[in-house]
Amino acid sequence: MKKAVKFIQNLVELYIPIIAFLIMFCVFVIQIVARYIFNNPVKWAYEVTVMGYLWMVILGACYAYRDRSHVTFTLIYDKLPVKGKAVCGFLGNLLMFIAFAYMFVPSCKMIAQMKMQVTSVLKIGLNVVYAPFIPFMVIIMLYILIDMYNEVMVFTGLGGEEAVKKMLNDTKSETQEAIDAALAQEENAKEQIK
C-alpha cells in the first residue's frame, strides 16, 4: 500500500512535471528552429509551452512543499523554542488550510465552467489547461493537515521526543544546515591539529 501511494505521489509531483517540462522544452526548441531557420513559426507552440509551464509549476509546487524546498522567512521562527515553533507552525498552517478550503469549491466550479472556453489554436478546453490546480489544492491541504497533526503532537507533548526530533529535522533551514556543517568541519580541523 505504501509503495502504491508513494508511486502515485511521485507520479503527480515529479513525473508529470518532468514530462511537462520536457514537452515544453522540445516545443520551445521546435519553435525557435521553425521561426529563425525556416521563417515559418509554429502557431500551436505557444499554447503547448504555456500549458506545459502551468502543469510543471503547479504540480511541481506540491513536491517543493513535500521536500521543504520552498522559500521561507524564519528569522523570528528560528529563535523560538521547539513548542513555540510548533504553535506558530500550527497557526500558520491553520490559516493556509482555511484559505485553501475556502477556495476549493469555487475553484472546482470555475475550472469545470472553463470547458466551454477553448484555446485559440489547438481548441483544448481551458478546464484541461487549469486542471492541475485541483490536485494541487488537495495535495497541499493533505500536507498541511499532516504538518498540523505533527505540530499538535509536539506542543501538547503527546508525540514525545520522536515528534520533537522529526519537527526539528523538517524545519531546519538550509542556512542552519550550512552553519552546522561549517562548525563540524571546524571541530574536525581542531581535532586533527591536536
N, C-alpha and C. Protein backbone atom coordinates (compact mmCIF):
# COMPACT_ATOMS: atom_id res chain seq x y z
N MET A 1 0.83 -1.21 0.00
CA MET A 1 0.00 0.00 0.00
C MET A 1 0.87 1.26 0.00
N LYS A 2 1.92 1.25 0.85
CA LYS A 2 2.80 2.42 0.92
C LYS A 2 3.51 2.66 -0.42
N LYS A 3 3.90 1.56 -1.08
CA LYS A 3 4.57 1.70 -2.37
C LYS A 3 3.64 2.30 -3.41
N ALA A 4 2.37 1.90 -3.40
CA ALA A 4 1.41 2.45 -4.36
C ALA A 4 1.17 3.93 -4.11
N VAL A 5 1.04 4.31 -2.84
CA VAL A 5 0.83 5.72 -2.50
C VAL A 5 2.06 6.53 -2.90
N LYS A 6 3.25 6.01 -2.61
CA LYS A 6 4.49 6.71 -2.96
C LYS A 6 4.61 6.86 -4.48
N PHE A 7 4.23 5.80 -5.23
CA PHE A 7 4.29 5.88 -6.69
C PHE A 7 3.33 6.95 -7.22
N ILE A 8 2.10 6.98 -6.71
CA ILE A 8 1.12 7.98 -7.16
C ILE A 8 1.61 9.38 -6.78
N GLN A 9 2.16 9.49 -5.58
CA GLN A 9 2.69 10.77 -5.12
C GLN A 9 3.81 11.25 -6.05
N ASN A 10 4.74 10.36 -6.36
CA ASN A 10 5.84 10.73 -7.27
C ASN A 10 5.34 10.97 -8.68
N LEU A 11 4.35 10.22 -9.12
CA LEU A 11 3.80 10.41 -10.46
C LEU A 11 3.24 11.83 -10.61
N VAL A 12 2.44 12.24 -9.63
CA VAL A 12 1.80 13.56 -9.71
C VAL A 12 2.80 14.68 -9.46
N GLU A 13 3.68 14.50 -8.49
CA GLU A 13 4.55 15.60 -8.06
C GLU A 13 5.88 15.67 -8.80
N LEU A 14 6.33 14.56 -9.36
CA LEU A 14 7.63 14.55 -10.04
C LEU A 14 7.54 14.23 -11.52
N TYR A 15 6.94 13.08 -11.85
CA TYR A 15 6.99 12.59 -13.22
C TYR A 15 6.16 13.44 -14.18
N ILE A 16 4.96 13.82 -13.79
CA ILE A 16 4.14 14.67 -14.67
C ILE A 16 4.82 16.03 -14.88
N PRO A 17 5.32 16.69 -13.82
CA PRO A 17 6.05 17.94 -14.08
C PRO A 17 7.30 17.76 -14.94
N ILE A 18 8.01 16.65 -14.78
CA ILE A 18 9.19 16.40 -15.62
C ILE A 18 8.77 16.24 -17.08
N ILE A 19 7.71 15.47 -17.31
CA ILE A 19 7.22 15.28 -18.68
C ILE A 19 6.73 16.61 -19.25
N ALA A 20 6.04 17.40 -18.44
CA ALA A 20 5.56 18.71 -18.90
C ALA A 20 6.75 19.61 -19.26
N PHE A 21 7.81 19.55 -18.47
CA PHE A 21 9.00 20.35 -18.77
C PHE A 21 9.64 19.90 -20.07
N LEU A 22 9.76 18.58 -20.24
CA LEU A 22 10.38 18.07 -21.46
C LEU A 22 9.58 18.46 -22.71
N ILE A 23 8.27 18.34 -22.63
CA ILE A 23 7.41 18.75 -23.76
C ILE A 23 7.58 20.24 -24.02
N MET A 24 7.54 21.01 -22.94
CA MET A 24 7.67 22.46 -23.07
C MET A 24 9.02 22.81 -23.72
N PHE A 25 10.09 22.19 -23.26
CA PHE A 25 11.41 22.48 -23.80
C PHE A 25 11.53 22.08 -25.28
N CYS A 26 11.05 20.88 -25.61
CA CYS A 26 11.12 20.42 -27.01
C CYS A 26 10.32 21.32 -27.94
N VAL A 27 9.14 21.71 -27.51
CA VAL A 27 8.30 22.58 -28.34
C VAL A 27 8.95 23.96 -28.47
N PHE A 28 9.57 24.41 -27.41
CA PHE A 28 10.28 25.70 -27.45
C PHE A 28 11.41 25.65 -28.48
N VAL A 29 12.17 24.57 -28.47
CA VAL A 29 13.25 24.41 -29.45
C VAL A 29 12.68 24.32 -30.86
N ILE A 30 11.60 23.57 -31.04
CA ILE A 30 10.95 23.47 -32.36
C ILE A 30 10.53 24.85 -32.84
N GLN A 31 9.97 25.64 -31.94
CA GLN A 31 9.52 26.98 -32.31
C GLN A 31 10.70 27.87 -32.74
N ILE A 32 11.82 27.76 -32.03
CA ILE A 32 12.99 28.57 -32.39
C ILE A 32 13.51 28.17 -33.77
N VAL A 33 13.61 26.87 -34.01
CA VAL A 33 14.09 26.39 -35.31
C VAL A 33 13.12 26.81 -36.42
N ALA A 34 11.83 26.61 -36.18
CA ALA A 34 10.83 26.95 -37.20
C ALA A 34 10.84 28.45 -37.50
N ARG A 35 10.99 29.26 -36.48
CA ARG A 35 10.91 30.71 -36.69
C ARG A 35 12.18 31.28 -37.31
N TYR A 36 13.34 30.89 -36.77
CA TYR A 36 14.57 31.56 -37.18
C TYR A 36 15.33 30.84 -38.29
N ILE A 37 15.07 29.57 -38.50
CA ILE A 37 15.76 28.87 -39.58
C ILE A 37 14.86 28.75 -40.80
N PHE A 38 13.60 28.36 -40.57
CA PHE A 38 12.68 28.16 -41.70
C PHE A 38 11.75 29.35 -41.94
N ASN A 39 11.85 30.38 -41.12
CA ASN A 39 10.99 31.57 -41.24
C ASN A 39 9.51 31.22 -41.31
N ASN A 40 9.10 30.20 -40.57
CA ASN A 40 7.72 29.75 -40.57
C ASN A 40 7.34 29.34 -39.14
N PRO A 41 6.95 30.29 -38.29
CA PRO A 41 6.65 29.96 -36.89
C PRO A 41 5.48 28.99 -36.77
N VAL A 42 5.57 28.14 -35.77
CA VAL A 42 4.53 27.16 -35.49
C VAL A 42 3.48 27.83 -34.61
N LYS A 43 2.24 27.81 -35.06
CA LYS A 43 1.18 28.54 -34.35
C LYS A 43 0.82 27.91 -32.99
N TRP A 44 0.88 26.61 -32.88
CA TRP A 44 0.44 25.93 -31.67
C TRP A 44 1.52 25.88 -30.58
N ALA A 45 2.74 26.26 -30.89
CA ALA A 45 3.86 26.12 -29.94
C ALA A 45 3.65 26.93 -28.67
N TYR A 46 3.15 28.15 -28.81
CA TYR A 46 2.96 29.00 -27.63
C TYR A 46 1.98 28.37 -26.65
N GLU A 47 0.86 27.85 -27.17
CA GLU A 47 -0.14 27.23 -26.30
C GLU A 47 0.42 26.01 -25.56
N VAL A 48 1.14 25.18 -26.27
CA VAL A 48 1.71 23.98 -25.65
C VAL A 48 2.74 24.37 -24.58
N THR A 49 3.55 25.38 -24.87
CA THR A 49 4.55 25.84 -23.91
C THR A 49 3.90 26.38 -22.65
N VAL A 50 2.86 27.17 -22.81
CA VAL A 50 2.17 27.73 -21.64
C VAL A 50 1.51 26.62 -20.82
N MET A 51 0.87 25.65 -21.50
CA MET A 51 0.25 24.53 -20.77
C MET A 51 1.30 23.71 -20.03
N GLY A 52 2.41 23.42 -20.69
CA GLY A 52 3.48 22.68 -20.03
C GLY A 52 4.01 23.41 -18.83
N TYR A 53 4.17 24.72 -18.97
CA TYR A 53 4.65 25.53 -17.85
C TYR A 53 3.68 25.50 -16.67
N LEU A 54 2.39 25.66 -16.96
CA LEU A 54 1.39 25.62 -15.88
C LEU A 54 1.39 24.28 -15.16
N TRP A 55 1.38 23.20 -15.90
CA TRP A 55 1.36 21.87 -15.28
C TRP A 55 2.63 21.64 -14.48
N MET A 56 3.77 22.06 -15.01
CA MET A 56 5.04 21.85 -14.32
C MET A 56 5.08 22.64 -13.01
N VAL A 57 4.71 23.91 -13.06
CA VAL A 57 4.81 24.76 -11.88
C VAL A 57 3.79 24.36 -10.82
N ILE A 58 2.56 24.14 -11.22
CA ILE A 58 1.50 23.85 -10.24
C ILE A 58 1.75 22.51 -9.55
N LEU A 59 2.03 21.46 -10.32
CA LEU A 59 2.26 20.16 -9.69
C LEU A 59 3.64 20.07 -9.05
N GLY A 60 4.62 20.76 -9.61
CA GLY A 60 5.95 20.79 -9.00
C GLY A 60 5.95 21.49 -7.65
N ALA A 61 5.02 22.41 -7.44
CA ALA A 61 4.90 23.09 -6.15
C ALA A 61 4.54 22.11 -5.04
N CYS A 62 3.81 21.06 -5.38
CA CYS A 62 3.48 20.03 -4.39
C CYS A 62 4.74 19.33 -3.91
N TYR A 63 5.62 19.01 -4.85
CA TYR A 63 6.89 18.38 -4.47
C TYR A 63 7.75 19.33 -3.64
N ALA A 64 7.76 20.60 -4.01
CA ALA A 64 8.53 21.59 -3.25
C ALA A 64 8.02 21.66 -1.81
N TYR A 65 6.70 21.56 -1.63
CA TYR A 65 6.15 21.57 -0.27
C TYR A 65 6.56 20.31 0.48
N ARG A 66 6.46 19.17 -0.18
CA ARG A 66 6.82 17.91 0.47
C ARG A 66 8.30 17.89 0.85
N ASP A 67 9.15 18.42 -0.04
CA ASP A 67 10.59 18.39 0.16
C ASP A 67 11.09 19.54 1.03
N ARG A 68 10.19 20.44 1.41
CA ARG A 68 10.53 21.62 2.20
C ARG A 68 11.55 22.50 1.48
N SER A 69 11.42 22.60 0.16
CA SER A 69 12.38 23.38 -0.61
C SER A 69 11.79 24.70 -1.09
N HIS A 70 10.64 25.08 -0.56
CA HIS A 70 10.06 26.37 -0.90
C HIS A 70 10.70 27.46 -0.03
N VAL A 71 10.54 28.68 -0.44
CA VAL A 71 11.14 29.80 0.27
C VAL A 71 10.38 30.03 1.57
N THR A 72 11.14 30.19 2.66
CA THR A 72 10.52 30.50 3.94
C THR A 72 11.29 31.64 4.60
N PHE A 73 10.59 32.43 5.37
CA PHE A 73 11.20 33.52 6.13
C PHE A 73 11.11 33.13 7.60
N THR A 74 12.23 32.76 8.17
CA THR A 74 12.23 32.15 9.51
C THR A 74 13.07 32.91 10.51
N LEU A 75 13.25 34.20 10.33
CA LEU A 75 14.09 34.99 11.21
C LEU A 75 13.60 34.90 12.66
N ILE A 76 12.33 35.11 12.88
CA ILE A 76 11.78 35.04 14.24
C ILE A 76 11.53 33.59 14.63
N TYR A 77 11.02 32.81 13.70
CA TYR A 77 10.68 31.40 13.95
C TYR A 77 11.89 30.63 14.47
N ASP A 78 13.07 30.85 13.90
CA ASP A 78 14.27 30.13 14.31
C ASP A 78 14.69 30.44 15.74
N LYS A 79 14.27 31.58 16.26
CA LYS A 79 14.64 31.98 17.62
C LYS A 79 13.72 31.37 18.69
N LEU A 80 12.60 30.82 18.28
CA LEU A 80 11.63 30.29 19.23
C LEU A 80 12.05 28.92 19.77
N PRO A 81 11.58 28.58 20.98
CA PRO A 81 11.80 27.21 21.46
C PRO A 81 10.94 26.24 20.64
N VAL A 82 11.17 24.96 20.82
CA VAL A 82 10.51 23.95 19.99
C VAL A 82 8.99 24.05 20.07
N LYS A 83 8.45 24.18 21.27
CA LYS A 83 6.99 24.27 21.40
C LYS A 83 6.45 25.55 20.77
N GLY A 84 7.21 26.64 20.85
CA GLY A 84 6.82 27.88 20.20
C GLY A 84 6.80 27.74 18.69
N LYS A 85 7.81 27.01 18.16
CA LYS A 85 7.82 26.74 16.73
C LYS A 85 6.61 25.92 16.32
N ALA A 86 6.25 24.95 17.15
CA ALA A 86 5.10 24.10 16.84
C ALA A 86 3.81 24.91 16.85
N VAL A 87 3.65 25.80 17.83
CA VAL A 87 2.43 26.62 17.91
C VAL A 87 2.36 27.57 16.72
N CYS A 88 3.48 28.25 16.41
CA CYS A 88 3.49 29.17 15.26
C CYS A 88 3.24 28.43 13.95
N GLY A 89 3.89 27.28 13.80
CA GLY A 89 3.67 26.48 12.60
C GLY A 89 2.23 26.04 12.48
N PHE A 90 1.64 25.63 13.59
CA PHE A 90 0.24 25.19 13.58
C PHE A 90 -0.68 26.34 13.17
N LEU A 91 -0.47 27.53 13.75
CA LEU A 91 -1.33 28.66 13.42
C LEU A 91 -1.19 29.08 11.96
N GLY A 92 0.05 29.09 11.47
CA GLY A 92 0.27 29.42 10.06
C GLY A 92 -0.37 28.40 9.14
N ASN A 93 -0.21 27.12 9.47
CA ASN A 93 -0.82 26.07 8.66
C ASN A 93 -2.34 26.11 8.74
N LEU A 94 -2.88 26.46 9.91
CA LEU A 94 -4.32 26.57 10.05
C LEU A 94 -4.87 27.67 9.13
N LEU A 95 -4.18 28.81 9.08
CA LEU A 95 -4.61 29.89 8.18
C LEU A 95 -4.55 29.45 6.72
N MET A 96 -3.46 28.75 6.35
CA MET A 96 -3.36 28.28 4.96
C MET A 96 -4.45 27.26 4.65
N PHE A 97 -4.72 26.36 5.58
CA PHE A 97 -5.74 25.35 5.35
C PHE A 97 -7.11 25.99 5.17
N ILE A 98 -7.42 26.97 6.02
CA ILE A 98 -8.71 27.67 5.91
C ILE A 98 -8.82 28.35 4.54
N ALA A 99 -7.74 28.99 4.10
CA ALA A 99 -7.76 29.68 2.79
C ALA A 99 -7.97 28.68 1.66
N PHE A 100 -7.23 27.55 1.70
CA PHE A 100 -7.39 26.55 0.63
C PHE A 100 -8.78 25.92 0.67
N ALA A 101 -9.27 25.62 1.86
CA ALA A 101 -10.60 25.00 1.98
C ALA A 101 -11.68 25.97 1.50
N TYR A 102 -11.53 27.25 1.81
CA TYR A 102 -12.50 28.26 1.40
C TYR A 102 -12.57 28.40 -0.12
N MET A 103 -11.41 28.29 -0.78
CA MET A 103 -11.41 28.49 -2.23
C MET A 103 -11.54 27.19 -3.02
N PHE A 104 -11.61 26.04 -2.36
CA PHE A 104 -11.62 24.77 -3.08
C PHE A 104 -12.86 24.61 -3.96
N VAL A 105 -14.05 24.72 -3.40
CA VAL A 105 -15.28 24.51 -4.18
C VAL A 105 -15.43 25.56 -5.27
N PRO A 106 -15.25 26.85 -4.98
CA PRO A 106 -15.35 27.83 -6.09
C PRO A 106 -14.32 27.58 -7.20
N SER A 107 -13.12 27.12 -6.83
CA SER A 107 -12.10 26.83 -7.85
C SER A 107 -12.53 25.66 -8.72
N CYS A 108 -13.07 24.62 -8.09
CA CYS A 108 -13.55 23.46 -8.86
C CYS A 108 -14.67 23.87 -9.81
N LYS A 109 -15.60 24.69 -9.33
CA LYS A 109 -16.70 25.16 -10.19
C LYS A 109 -16.17 25.99 -11.35
N MET A 110 -15.23 26.86 -11.05
CA MET A 110 -14.68 27.73 -12.10
C MET A 110 -13.97 26.90 -13.17
N ILE A 111 -13.17 25.93 -12.74
CA ILE A 111 -12.45 25.09 -13.70
C ILE A 111 -13.42 24.25 -14.52
N ALA A 112 -14.48 23.76 -13.88
CA ALA A 112 -15.50 22.99 -14.61
C ALA A 112 -16.19 23.85 -15.66
N GLN A 113 -16.45 25.10 -15.34
CA GLN A 113 -17.11 26.01 -16.29
C GLN A 113 -16.19 26.40 -17.45
N MET A 114 -14.89 26.26 -17.26
CA MET A 114 -13.94 26.64 -18.30
C MET A 114 -13.94 25.70 -19.49
N LYS A 115 -14.66 24.59 -19.38
CA LYS A 115 -14.68 23.66 -20.52
C LYS A 115 -15.36 24.28 -21.74
N MET A 116 -16.16 25.32 -21.52
CA MET A 116 -16.82 26.00 -22.64
C MET A 116 -15.85 26.90 -23.40
N GLN A 117 -14.77 27.30 -22.76
CA GLN A 117 -13.77 28.13 -23.41
C GLN A 117 -12.64 27.24 -23.90
N VAL A 118 -12.13 27.52 -25.08
CA VAL A 118 -11.05 26.71 -25.64
C VAL A 118 -9.89 27.60 -26.05
N THR A 119 -8.72 26.98 -26.18
CA THR A 119 -7.56 27.73 -26.65
C THR A 119 -7.77 28.09 -28.12
N SER A 120 -7.13 29.13 -28.55
CA SER A 120 -7.41 29.66 -29.89
C SER A 120 -6.90 28.78 -31.03
N VAL A 121 -5.81 28.07 -30.86
CA VAL A 121 -5.25 27.28 -31.96
C VAL A 121 -5.59 25.81 -31.83
N LEU A 122 -5.29 25.20 -30.70
CA LEU A 122 -5.49 23.76 -30.54
C LEU A 122 -6.91 23.38 -30.13
N LYS A 123 -7.71 24.34 -29.73
CA LYS A 123 -9.10 24.12 -29.33
C LYS A 123 -9.21 23.14 -28.15
N ILE A 124 -8.27 23.26 -27.22
CA ILE A 124 -8.29 22.46 -25.99
C ILE A 124 -9.06 23.27 -24.94
N GLY A 125 -9.96 22.60 -24.22
CA GLY A 125 -10.73 23.28 -23.20
C GLY A 125 -9.84 23.85 -22.11
N LEU A 126 -10.16 25.04 -21.64
CA LEU A 126 -9.36 25.65 -20.58
C LEU A 126 -9.47 24.86 -19.27
N ASN A 127 -10.49 24.03 -19.16
CA ASN A 127 -10.58 23.17 -17.97
C ASN A 127 -9.41 22.18 -17.94
N VAL A 128 -8.95 21.73 -19.10
CA VAL A 128 -7.79 20.84 -19.17
C VAL A 128 -6.52 21.61 -18.85
N VAL A 129 -6.43 22.84 -19.34
CA VAL A 129 -5.24 23.66 -19.09
C VAL A 129 -5.06 23.90 -17.60
N TYR A 130 -6.14 24.21 -16.90
CA TYR A 130 -6.04 24.54 -15.47
C TYR A 130 -6.39 23.37 -14.55
N ALA A 131 -6.55 22.19 -15.09
CA ALA A 131 -6.91 21.00 -14.30
C ALA A 131 -5.94 20.69 -13.16
N PRO A 132 -4.63 20.90 -13.31
CA PRO A 132 -3.74 20.51 -12.20
C PRO A 132 -3.94 21.33 -10.93
N PHE A 133 -4.69 22.43 -11.02
CA PHE A 133 -4.91 23.23 -9.81
C PHE A 133 -5.72 22.48 -8.77
N ILE A 134 -6.62 21.61 -9.20
CA ILE A 134 -7.45 20.86 -8.24
C ILE A 134 -6.61 19.84 -7.46
N PRO A 135 -5.83 18.96 -8.13
CA PRO A 135 -4.99 18.06 -7.32
C PRO A 135 -3.96 18.83 -6.50
N PHE A 136 -3.48 19.97 -7.00
CA PHE A 136 -2.56 20.79 -6.22
C PHE A 136 -3.18 21.18 -4.89
N MET A 137 -4.41 21.68 -4.95
CA MET A 137 -5.07 22.10 -3.71
C MET A 137 -5.30 20.93 -2.76
N VAL A 138 -5.73 19.79 -3.29
CA VAL A 138 -5.97 18.61 -2.44
C VAL A 138 -4.68 18.15 -1.79
N ILE A 139 -3.62 18.05 -2.57
CA ILE A 139 -2.34 17.57 -2.04
C ILE A 139 -1.79 18.52 -0.99
N ILE A 140 -1.83 19.80 -1.27
CA ILE A 140 -1.32 20.78 -0.30
C ILE A 140 -2.14 20.74 0.99
N MET A 141 -3.46 20.61 0.86
CA MET A 141 -4.28 20.53 2.08
C MET A 141 -3.94 19.28 2.88
N LEU A 142 -3.68 18.16 2.22
CA LEU A 142 -3.27 16.95 2.94
C LEU A 142 -1.94 17.15 3.65
N TYR A 143 -0.97 17.75 2.95
CA TYR A 143 0.32 18.03 3.58
C TYR A 143 0.18 18.96 4.77
N ILE A 144 -0.68 19.96 4.64
CA ILE A 144 -0.91 20.90 5.74
C ILE A 144 -1.52 20.17 6.94
N LEU A 145 -2.50 19.29 6.68
CA LEU A 145 -3.10 18.54 7.79
C LEU A 145 -2.07 17.65 8.49
N ILE A 146 -1.20 17.02 7.71
CA ILE A 146 -0.15 16.19 8.32
C ILE A 146 0.78 17.04 9.17
N ASP A 147 1.17 18.21 8.64
CA ASP A 147 2.02 19.12 9.42
C ASP A 147 1.33 19.58 10.69
N MET A 148 0.04 19.90 10.59
CA MET A 148 -0.71 20.34 11.78
C MET A 148 -0.77 19.24 12.83
N TYR A 149 -0.99 18.01 12.39
CA TYR A 149 -1.01 16.88 13.32
C TYR A 149 0.34 16.75 14.03
N ASN A 150 1.42 16.82 13.26
CA ASN A 150 2.76 16.70 13.85
C ASN A 150 3.04 17.85 14.82
N GLU A 151 2.58 19.05 14.49
CA GLU A 151 2.78 20.20 15.38
C GLU A 151 1.97 20.06 16.66
N VAL A 152 0.77 19.53 16.56
CA VAL A 152 -0.04 19.29 17.77
C VAL A 152 0.66 18.27 18.66
N MET A 153 1.23 17.24 18.04
CA MET A 153 1.95 16.22 18.82
C MET A 153 3.14 16.82 19.56
N VAL A 154 3.76 17.86 18.99
CA VAL A 154 4.90 18.49 19.64
C VAL A 154 4.45 19.42 20.76
N PHE A 155 3.54 20.35 20.47
CA PHE A 155 3.22 21.33 21.51
C PHE A 155 2.33 20.78 22.62
N THR A 156 1.69 19.65 22.40
CA THR A 156 0.95 19.02 23.50
C THR A 156 1.82 18.03 24.26
N GLY A 157 2.93 17.63 23.66
CA GLY A 157 3.81 16.66 24.29
C GLY A 157 3.40 15.22 24.06
N LEU A 158 2.34 14.99 23.29
CA LEU A 158 1.85 13.63 23.05
C LEU A 158 2.78 12.81 22.16
N GLY A 159 3.57 13.49 21.34
CA GLY A 159 4.45 12.78 20.41
C GLY A 159 5.78 12.39 21.01
N GLY A 160 6.10 12.95 22.18
CA GLY A 160 7.37 12.62 22.82
C GLY A 160 8.56 13.19 22.06
N GLU A 161 9.73 12.62 22.37
CA GLU A 161 10.97 13.09 21.77
C GLU A 161 11.04 12.85 20.27
N GLU A 162 10.42 11.78 19.81
CA GLU A 162 10.45 11.48 18.37
C GLU A 162 9.78 12.58 17.56
N ALA A 163 8.65 13.08 18.04
CA ALA A 163 7.95 14.15 17.33
C ALA A 163 8.78 15.43 17.31
N VAL A 164 9.46 15.71 18.43
CA VAL A 164 10.31 16.91 18.50
C VAL A 164 11.47 16.78 17.52
N LYS A 165 12.13 15.62 17.50
CA LYS A 165 13.25 15.41 16.59
C LYS A 165 12.80 15.52 15.13
N LYS A 166 11.64 14.93 14.83
CA LYS A 166 11.13 14.99 13.46
C LYS A 166 10.85 16.43 13.06
N MET A 167 10.24 17.20 13.95
CA MET A 167 9.92 18.58 13.63
C MET A 167 11.20 19.41 13.45
N LEU A 168 12.19 19.19 14.30
CA LEU A 168 13.44 19.94 14.17
C LEU A 168 14.14 19.61 12.86
N ASN A 169 14.11 18.35 12.45
CA ASN A 169 14.72 17.98 11.17
C ASN A 169 13.95 18.56 9.99
N ASP A 170 12.61 18.58 10.09
CA ASP A 170 11.78 19.10 9.00
C ASP A 170 11.92 20.60 8.84
N THR A 171 12.11 21.31 9.94
CA THR A 171 12.12 22.77 9.88
C THR A 171 13.52 23.36 9.84
N LYS A 172 14.52 22.54 9.83
CA LYS A 172 15.89 23.05 9.81
C LYS A 172 16.14 23.74 8.47
N SER A 173 16.54 24.99 8.54
CA SER A 173 16.75 25.75 7.30
C SER A 173 18.08 25.36 6.67
N GLU A 174 18.21 25.65 5.38
CA GLU A 174 19.45 25.36 4.68
C GLU A 174 20.60 26.16 5.27
N THR A 175 20.32 27.39 5.72
CA THR A 175 21.34 28.21 6.34
C THR A 175 21.86 27.54 7.61
N GLN A 176 20.93 27.04 8.41
CA GLN A 176 21.33 26.37 9.64
C GLN A 176 22.11 25.10 9.34
N GLU A 177 21.71 24.37 8.31
CA GLU A 177 22.45 23.17 7.92
C GLU A 177 23.87 23.52 7.48
N ALA A 178 24.02 24.64 6.75
CA ALA A 178 25.35 25.08 6.32
C ALA A 178 26.20 25.49 7.51
N ILE A 179 25.59 26.17 8.48
CA ILE A 179 26.31 26.57 9.69
C ILE A 179 26.74 25.33 10.46
N ASP A 180 25.84 24.37 10.62
CA ASP A 180 26.18 23.13 11.32
C ASP A 180 27.32 22.38 10.63
N ALA A 181 27.28 22.34 9.29
CA ALA A 181 28.35 21.67 8.54
C ALA A 181 29.68 22.40 8.73
N ALA A 182 29.65 23.73 8.71
CA ALA A 182 30.88 24.51 8.90
C ALA A 182 31.44 24.30 10.30
N LEU A 183 30.56 24.26 11.30
CA LEU A 183 31.02 24.02 12.67
C LEU A 183 31.61 22.62 12.82
N ALA A 184 31.00 21.64 12.17
CA ALA A 184 31.52 20.27 12.22
C ALA A 184 32.89 20.20 11.55
N GLN A 185 33.08 20.91 10.43
CA GLN A 185 34.39 20.93 9.77
C GLN A 185 35.43 21.60 10.65
N GLU A 186 35.02 22.65 11.34
CA GLU A 186 35.94 23.36 12.24
C GLU A 186 36.36 22.45 13.39
N GLU A 187 35.42 21.71 13.94
CA GLU A 187 35.74 20.77 15.02
C GLU A 187 36.69 19.68 14.53
N ASN A 188 36.44 19.15 13.32
CA ASN A 188 37.31 18.13 12.75
C ASN A 188 38.72 18.68 12.54
N ALA A 189 38.81 19.93 12.07
CA ALA A 189 40.13 20.56 11.86
C ALA A 189 40.86 20.71 13.18
N LYS A 190 40.14 21.11 14.24
CA LYS A 190 40.77 21.26 15.56
C LYS A 190 41.28 19.93 16.09
N GLU A 191 40.49 18.88 15.88
CA GLU A 191 40.90 17.54 16.35
C GLU A 191 42.11 17.05 15.58
N GLN A 192 42.19 17.35 14.30
CA GLN A 192 43.34 16.94 13.51
C GLN A 192 44.61 17.68 13.91
N ILE A 193 44.46 18.93 14.34
CA ILE A 193 45.62 19.71 14.78
C ILE A 193 46.18 19.14 16.08
N LYS A 194 45.30 18.68 16.97
CA LYS A 194 45.73 18.13 18.25
C LYS A 194 46.43 16.84 17.98
